[in-house]
Amino acid sequence: MNYCRTHGIPALFSFFFPGLGQLVKGHLFKALGIWIAFIITGTMHIFGAGFLLWPLIWIWQLYDAYNA
């Protein structure tokens, strides 16, 4: 069942729950880093800066889940 760890499935998981694709691939520290980044950028929404970073992190983690 190696297909579950390559390309489409992890990217699909990350689309709905950021970081889950990295976790499925076995990249625990990347997943934790993504979750921490989303918590920080979510908190930054209060100050008006998180709305710029959140979509960039979301797109990057999708790309990473598909390719890495």
N, C-alpha and C. Protein backbone atom coordinates (compact mmCIF):
# COMPACT_ATOMS: atom_id res chain seq x y z
N MET A 1 0.83 -1.18 0.00
CA MET A 1 0.00 0.00 0.00
C MET A 1 0.88 1.25 0.00
N ASN A 2 1.91 1.23 -0.81
CA ASN A 2 2.82 2.35 -0.91
C ASN A 2 2.17 3.58 -1.54
N TYR A 3 1.10 3.38 -2.31
CA TYR A 3 0.44 4.50 -2.98
C TYR A 3 -0.12 5.51 -1.98
N CYS A 4 -0.49 5.05 -0.80
CA CYS A 4 -1.04 5.95 0.21
C CYS A 4 -0.02 6.96 0.70
N ARG A 5 1.25 6.69 0.48
CA ARG A 5 2.30 7.60 0.95
C ARG A 5 2.86 8.46 -0.17
N THR A 6 2.33 8.34 -1.37
CA THR A 6 2.85 9.13 -2.48
C THR A 6 1.78 10.01 -3.10
N HIS A 7 2.15 11.20 -3.37
CA HIS A 7 1.43 12.19 -4.14
C HIS A 7 0.00 12.47 -3.71
N GLY A 8 -0.98 11.95 -4.42
CA GLY A 8 -2.36 12.40 -4.31
C GLY A 8 -3.04 12.22 -2.97
N ILE A 9 -2.88 11.08 -2.34
CA ILE A 9 -3.58 10.82 -1.08
C ILE A 9 -3.12 11.76 0.03
N PRO A 10 -1.81 11.91 0.27
CA PRO A 10 -1.39 12.86 1.30
C PRO A 10 -1.80 14.30 0.99
N ALA A 11 -1.76 14.68 -0.29
CA ALA A 11 -2.19 16.04 -0.66
C ALA A 11 -3.67 16.23 -0.40
N LEU A 12 -4.46 15.22 -0.67
CA LEU A 12 -5.89 15.29 -0.40
C LEU A 12 -6.15 15.43 1.10
N PHE A 13 -5.45 14.65 1.89
CA PHE A 13 -5.59 14.76 3.34
C PHE A 13 -5.19 16.16 3.83
N SER A 14 -4.09 16.70 3.27
CA SER A 14 -3.62 18.02 3.68
C SER A 14 -4.55 19.14 3.21
N PHE A 15 -5.28 18.88 2.15
CA PHE A 15 -6.24 19.88 1.68
C PHE A 15 -7.31 20.12 2.74
N PHE A 16 -7.79 19.05 3.34
CA PHE A 16 -8.87 19.16 4.32
C PHE A 16 -8.36 19.40 5.74
N PHE A 17 -7.19 18.85 6.07
CA PHE A 17 -6.62 19.02 7.41
C PHE A 17 -5.12 19.26 7.26
N PRO A 18 -4.69 20.51 7.28
CA PRO A 18 -3.28 20.81 7.05
C PRO A 18 -2.35 20.03 7.98
N GLY A 19 -1.32 19.46 7.37
CA GLY A 19 -0.34 18.69 8.12
C GLY A 19 -0.61 17.20 8.15
N LEU A 20 -1.82 16.80 7.84
CA LEU A 20 -2.16 15.38 7.89
C LEU A 20 -1.44 14.60 6.80
N GLY A 21 -1.24 15.20 5.64
CA GLY A 21 -0.51 14.53 4.57
C GLY A 21 0.93 14.24 4.95
N GLN A 22 1.56 15.20 5.64
CA GLN A 22 2.93 14.98 6.10
C GLN A 22 2.95 13.88 7.15
N LEU A 23 1.95 13.84 7.99
CA LEU A 23 1.88 12.81 9.02
C LEU A 23 1.70 11.42 8.39
N VAL A 24 0.87 11.33 7.35
CA VAL A 24 0.66 10.06 6.65
C VAL A 24 1.97 9.59 6.02
N LYS A 25 2.78 10.52 5.53
CA LYS A 25 4.06 10.17 4.92
C LYS A 25 5.12 9.83 5.95
N GLY A 26 4.84 10.06 7.22
CA GLY A 26 5.79 9.74 8.27
C GLY A 26 6.67 10.91 8.68
N HIS A 27 6.33 12.10 8.25
CA HIS A 27 7.10 13.30 8.59
C HIS A 27 6.45 14.00 9.79
N LEU A 28 6.67 13.44 10.95
CA LEU A 28 6.04 13.92 12.17
C LEU A 28 6.42 15.36 12.50
N PHE A 29 7.71 15.68 12.40
CA PHE A 29 8.15 17.02 12.77
C PHE A 29 7.66 18.09 11.80
N LYS A 30 7.53 17.73 10.51
CA LYS A 30 6.94 18.66 9.55
C LYS A 30 5.49 18.93 9.90
N ALA A 31 4.75 17.88 10.24
CA ALA A 31 3.34 18.04 10.61
C ALA A 31 3.21 18.91 11.85
N LEU A 32 4.04 18.67 12.85
CA LEU A 32 3.99 19.50 14.06
C LEU A 32 4.34 20.95 13.74
N GLY A 33 5.32 21.16 12.87
CA GLY A 33 5.69 22.51 12.47
C GLY A 33 4.56 23.23 11.75
N ILE A 34 3.84 22.51 10.91
CA ILE A 34 2.71 23.10 10.19
C ILE A 34 1.60 23.46 11.18
N TRP A 35 1.33 22.57 12.12
CA TRP A 35 0.28 22.88 13.10
C TRP A 35 0.65 24.08 13.96
N ILE A 36 1.91 24.16 14.34
CA ILE A 36 2.36 25.32 15.14
C ILE A 36 2.28 26.59 14.30
N ALA A 37 2.66 26.51 13.02
CA ALA A 37 2.58 27.68 12.14
C ALA A 37 1.14 28.15 11.99
N PHE A 38 0.20 27.21 11.87
CA PHE A 38 -1.20 27.60 11.75
C PHE A 38 -1.74 28.20 13.04
N ILE A 39 -1.28 27.71 14.17
CA ILE A 39 -1.70 28.31 15.45
C ILE A 39 -1.16 29.73 15.56
N ILE A 40 0.09 29.92 15.18
CA ILE A 40 0.69 31.25 15.25
C ILE A 40 0.01 32.21 14.28
N THR A 41 -0.20 31.79 13.04
CA THR A 41 -0.83 32.69 12.08
C THR A 41 -2.30 32.93 12.43
N GLY A 42 -2.94 31.95 13.03
CA GLY A 42 -4.31 32.16 13.49
C GLY A 42 -4.36 33.21 14.58
N THR A 43 -3.38 33.17 15.46
CA THR A 43 -3.29 34.18 16.52
C THR A 43 -2.95 35.54 15.92
N MET A 44 -2.16 35.55 14.87
CA MET A 44 -1.77 36.82 14.23
C MET A 44 -2.95 37.51 13.55
N HIS A 45 -4.03 36.76 13.29
CA HIS A 45 -5.23 37.39 12.72
C HIS A 45 -5.73 38.52 13.60
N ILE A 46 -5.53 38.38 14.89
CA ILE A 46 -5.96 39.41 15.83
C ILE A 46 -5.28 40.74 15.50
N PHE A 47 -4.01 40.67 15.08
CA PHE A 47 -3.24 41.87 14.79
C PHE A 47 -3.31 42.27 13.32
N GLY A 48 -3.98 41.48 12.50
CA GLY A 48 -4.16 41.82 11.10
C GLY A 48 -3.07 41.33 10.17
N ALA A 49 -2.13 40.52 10.66
CA ALA A 49 -1.03 40.07 9.81
C ALA A 49 -1.19 38.62 9.37
N GLY A 50 -1.95 37.84 10.06
CA GLY A 50 -2.06 36.42 9.76
C GLY A 50 -2.74 36.11 8.45
N PHE A 51 -3.59 37.02 7.96
CA PHE A 51 -4.33 36.74 6.74
C PHE A 51 -3.41 36.66 5.52
N LEU A 52 -2.20 37.19 5.61
CA LEU A 52 -1.24 37.10 4.51
C LEU A 52 -0.45 35.80 4.56
N LEU A 53 -0.09 35.38 5.76
CA LEU A 53 0.75 34.20 5.91
C LEU A 53 -0.02 32.89 5.86
N TRP A 54 -1.23 32.87 6.38
CA TRP A 54 -2.00 31.63 6.46
C TRP A 54 -2.18 30.97 5.10
N PRO A 55 -2.63 31.71 4.07
CA PRO A 55 -2.79 31.04 2.76
C PRO A 55 -1.46 30.56 2.16
N LEU A 56 -0.38 31.29 2.41
CA LEU A 56 0.92 30.86 1.89
C LEU A 56 1.37 29.55 2.54
N ILE A 57 1.17 29.45 3.83
CA ILE A 57 1.53 28.21 4.53
C ILE A 57 0.65 27.07 4.06
N TRP A 58 -0.63 27.33 3.86
CA TRP A 58 -1.57 26.29 3.42
C TRP A 58 -1.17 25.77 2.03
N ILE A 59 -0.85 26.68 1.12
CA ILE A 59 -0.45 26.27 -0.23
C ILE A 59 0.87 25.51 -0.19
N TRP A 60 1.83 26.01 0.61
CA TRP A 60 3.12 25.32 0.69
C TRP A 60 2.96 23.90 1.23
N GLN A 61 2.15 23.73 2.28
CA GLN A 61 2.01 22.40 2.87
C GLN A 61 1.30 21.45 1.91
N LEU A 62 0.40 21.96 1.06
CA LEU A 62 -0.21 21.11 0.03
C LEU A 62 0.85 20.66 -0.98
N TYR A 63 1.65 21.60 -1.42
CA TYR A 63 2.73 21.28 -2.36
C TYR A 63 3.70 20.27 -1.74
N ASP A 64 4.06 20.48 -0.50
CA ASP A 64 4.97 19.58 0.18
C ASP A 64 4.38 18.19 0.35
N ALA A 65 3.11 18.11 0.68
CA ALA A 65 2.46 16.81 0.83
C ALA A 65 2.41 16.06 -0.49
N TYR A 66 2.28 16.78 -1.60
CA TYR A 66 2.22 16.14 -2.91
C TYR A 66 3.59 15.68 -3.38
N ASN A 67 4.61 16.50 -3.16
CA ASN A 67 5.92 16.24 -3.75
C ASN A 67 6.95 15.60 -2.83
N ALA A 68 6.96 15.93 -1.59
CA ALA A 68 8.07 15.49 -0.71
C ALA A 68 8.03 14.01 -0.41
